[in-house]
Amino acid sequence: MRGPHHPRMRSAAFIPRETVRRKVNTLVAKGWVVRRGDGSLAVQKQAAQDLEDATGDTVAYLTVMFQAFGKVRADRAEP
């Protein structure tokens, strides 16, 4: 399966070409993304390792928010 090419990502997200180029270069420099021979991009395992703590924090935050919204919804449903 071919990975995304940044021109496709840019047009799909309506992001300026230069912004995508800079962001992709940053991800490559961090070792999170590699450019394949065909020009497509692939995410590296290093990205998951480096972002593991932040991902856990985000999941915990979203869990708290989901529970809070559920409580608000339940409180509104009571007569």
C-alpha atoms as a PDB file:
ATOM      1  CA  MET A   1       0.000   0.000   0.000  1.00  0.00           C
ATOM      2  CA  ARG A   2       1.336   3.401  -0.936  1.00  0.00           C
ATOM      3  CA  GLY A   3       1.668   6.059   1.715  1.00  0.00           C
ATOM      4  CA  PRO A   4       0.460   9.618   1.307  1.00  0.00           C
ATOM      5  CA  HIS A   5       2.285  12.213  -0.752  1.00  0.00           C
ATOM      6  CA  HIS A   6       2.295  15.659   0.777  1.00  0.00           C
ATOM      7  CA  PRO A   7       0.727  17.338  -2.298  1.00  0.00           C
ATOM      8  CA  ARG A   8      -2.322  15.110  -1.750  1.00  0.00           C
ATOM      9  CA  MET A   9      -2.366  15.853   1.969  1.00  0.00           C
ATOM     10  CA  ARG A  10      -2.086  19.566   1.268  1.00  0.00           C
ATOM     11  CA  SER A  11      -4.993  19.657  -1.153  1.00  0.00           C
ATOM     12  CA  ALA A  12      -7.157  17.383   1.023  1.00  0.00           C
ATOM     13  CA  ALA A  13      -6.641  19.587   4.075  1.00  0.00           C
ATOM     14  CA  PHE A  14      -6.498  22.957   2.238  1.00  0.00           C
ATOM     15  CA  ILE A  15      -3.129  23.727   3.841  1.00  0.00           C
ATOM     16  CA  PRO A  16      -0.576  25.897   2.030  1.00  0.00           C
ATOM     17  CA  ARG A  17       2.137  23.893   0.256  1.00  0.00           C
ATOM     18  CA  GLU A  18       4.998  25.560   2.140  1.00  0.00           C
ATOM     19  CA  THR A  19       3.395  24.788   5.502  1.00  0.00           C
ATOM     20  CA  VAL A  20       3.073  21.098   4.642  1.00  0.00           C
ATOM     21  CA  ARG A  21       6.645  20.995   3.322  1.00  0.00           C
ATOM     22  CA  ARG A  22       8.012  22.522   6.549  1.00  0.00           C
ATOM     23  CA  LYS A  23       5.948  20.255   8.801  1.00  0.00           C
ATOM     24  CA  VAL A  24       6.918  17.121   6.875  1.00  0.00           C
ATOM     25  CA  ASN A  25      10.588  18.134   7.022  1.00  0.00           C
ATOM     26  CA  THR A  26      10.273  18.569  10.803  1.00  0.00           C
ATOM     27  CA  LEU A  27       8.740  15.097  11.162  1.00  0.00           C
ATOM     28  CA  VAL A  28      11.508  13.618   9.004  1.00  0.00           C
ATOM     29  CA  ALA A  29      14.192  15.386  11.081  1.00  0.00           C
ATOM     30  CA  LYS A  30      12.688  13.923  14.277  1.00  0.00           C
ATOM     31  CA  GLY A  31      12.770  10.449  12.765  1.00  0.00           C
ATOM     32  CA  TRP A  32       8.996  10.115  12.975  1.00  0.00           C
ATOM     33  CA  VAL A  33       8.405   9.966   9.204  1.00  0.00           C
ATOM     34  CA  VAL A  34      10.508   8.729   6.290  1.00  0.00           C
ATOM     35  CA  ARG A  35      10.238   9.458   2.599  1.00  0.00           C
ATOM     36  CA  ARG A  36      10.062   6.309   0.527  1.00  0.00           C
ATOM     37  CA  GLY A  37      11.718   5.939  -2.855  1.00  0.00           C
ATOM     38  CA  ASP A  38       8.429   6.629  -4.621  1.00  0.00           C
ATOM     39  CA  GLY A  39       8.018   9.923  -2.728  1.00  0.00           C
ATOM     40  CA  SER A  40       5.346   8.651  -0.344  1.00  0.00           C
ATOM     41  CA  LEU A  41       5.638   9.076   3.413  1.00  0.00           C
ATOM     42  CA  ALA A  42       5.666   6.403   6.116  1.00  0.00           C
ATOM     43  CA  VAL A  43       5.337   6.791   9.881  1.00  0.00           C
ATOM     44  CA  GLN A  44       8.170   5.251  11.896  1.00  0.00           C
ATOM     45  CA  LYS A  45       7.875   3.348  15.199  1.00  0.00           C
ATOM     46  CA  GLN A  46       9.956   6.088  16.801  1.00  0.00           C
ATOM     47  CA  ALA A  47       6.948   8.419  16.558  1.00  0.00           C
ATOM     48  CA  ALA A  48       4.827   6.111  18.718  1.00  0.00           C
ATOM     49  CA  GLN A  49       7.644   5.700  21.225  1.00  0.00           C
ATOM     50  CA  ASP A  50       8.318   9.440  21.488  1.00  0.00           C
ATOM     51  CA  LEU A  51       4.626  10.327  21.727  1.00  0.00           C
ATOM     52  CA  GLU A  52       3.580   7.533  24.093  1.00  0.00           C
ATOM     53  CA  ASP A  53       3.349   9.719  27.221  1.00  0.00           C
ATOM     54  CA  ALA A  54       1.500  12.502  25.407  1.00  0.00           C
ATOM     55  CA  THR A  55      -0.891   9.971  23.883  1.00  0.00           C
ATOM     56  CA  GLY A  56      -1.647   8.516  27.319  1.00  0.00           C
ATOM     57  CA  ASP A  57      -2.232  12.002  28.717  1.00  0.00           C
ATOM     58  CA  THR A  58      -4.582  12.810  25.837  1.00  0.00           C
ATOM     59  CA  VAL A  59      -6.569   9.603  26.326  1.00  0.00           C
ATOM     60  CA  ALA A  60      -6.868  10.328  30.064  1.00  0.00           C
ATOM     61  CA  TYR A  61      -8.048  13.885  29.352  1.00  0.00           C
ATOM     62  CA  LEU A  62     -10.609  12.718  26.802  1.00  0.00           C
ATOM     63  CA  THR A  63     -11.897  10.100  29.264  1.00  0.00           C
ATOM     64  CA  VAL A  64     -12.466  12.784  31.910  1.00  0.00           C
ATOM     65  CA  MET A  65     -14.189  15.038  29.374  1.00  0.00           C
ATOM     66  CA  PHE A  66     -16.382  12.185  28.118  1.00  0.00           C
ATOM     67  CA  GLN A  67     -17.443  11.371  31.684  1.00  0.00           C
ATOM     68  CA  ALA A  68     -18.174  15.050  32.412  1.00  0.00           C
ATOM     69  CA  PHE A  69     -20.304  15.398  29.280  1.00  0.00           C
ATOM     70  CA  GLY A  70     -22.129  12.192  30.190  1.00  0.00           C
ATOM     71  CA  LYS A  71     -22.918  13.598  33.643  1.00  0.00           C
ATOM     72  CA  VAL A  72     -24.183  16.872  32.193  1.00  0.00           C
ATOM     73  CA  ARG A  73     -26.342  14.954  29.754  1.00  0.00           C
ATOM     74  CA  ALA A  74     -27.721  12.731  32.513  1.00  0.00           C
ATOM     75  CA  ASP A  75     -28.429  15.767  34.727  1.00  0.00           C
ATOM     76  CA  ARG A  76     -30.369  17.433  31.898  1.00  0.00           C
ATOM     77  CA  ALA A  77     -32.417  14.280  31.299  1.00  0.00           C
ATOM     78  CA  GLU A  78     -33.674  14.175  34.903  1.00  0.00           C
ATOM     79  CA  PRO A  79     -37.108  15.755  35.421  1.00  0.00           C
END
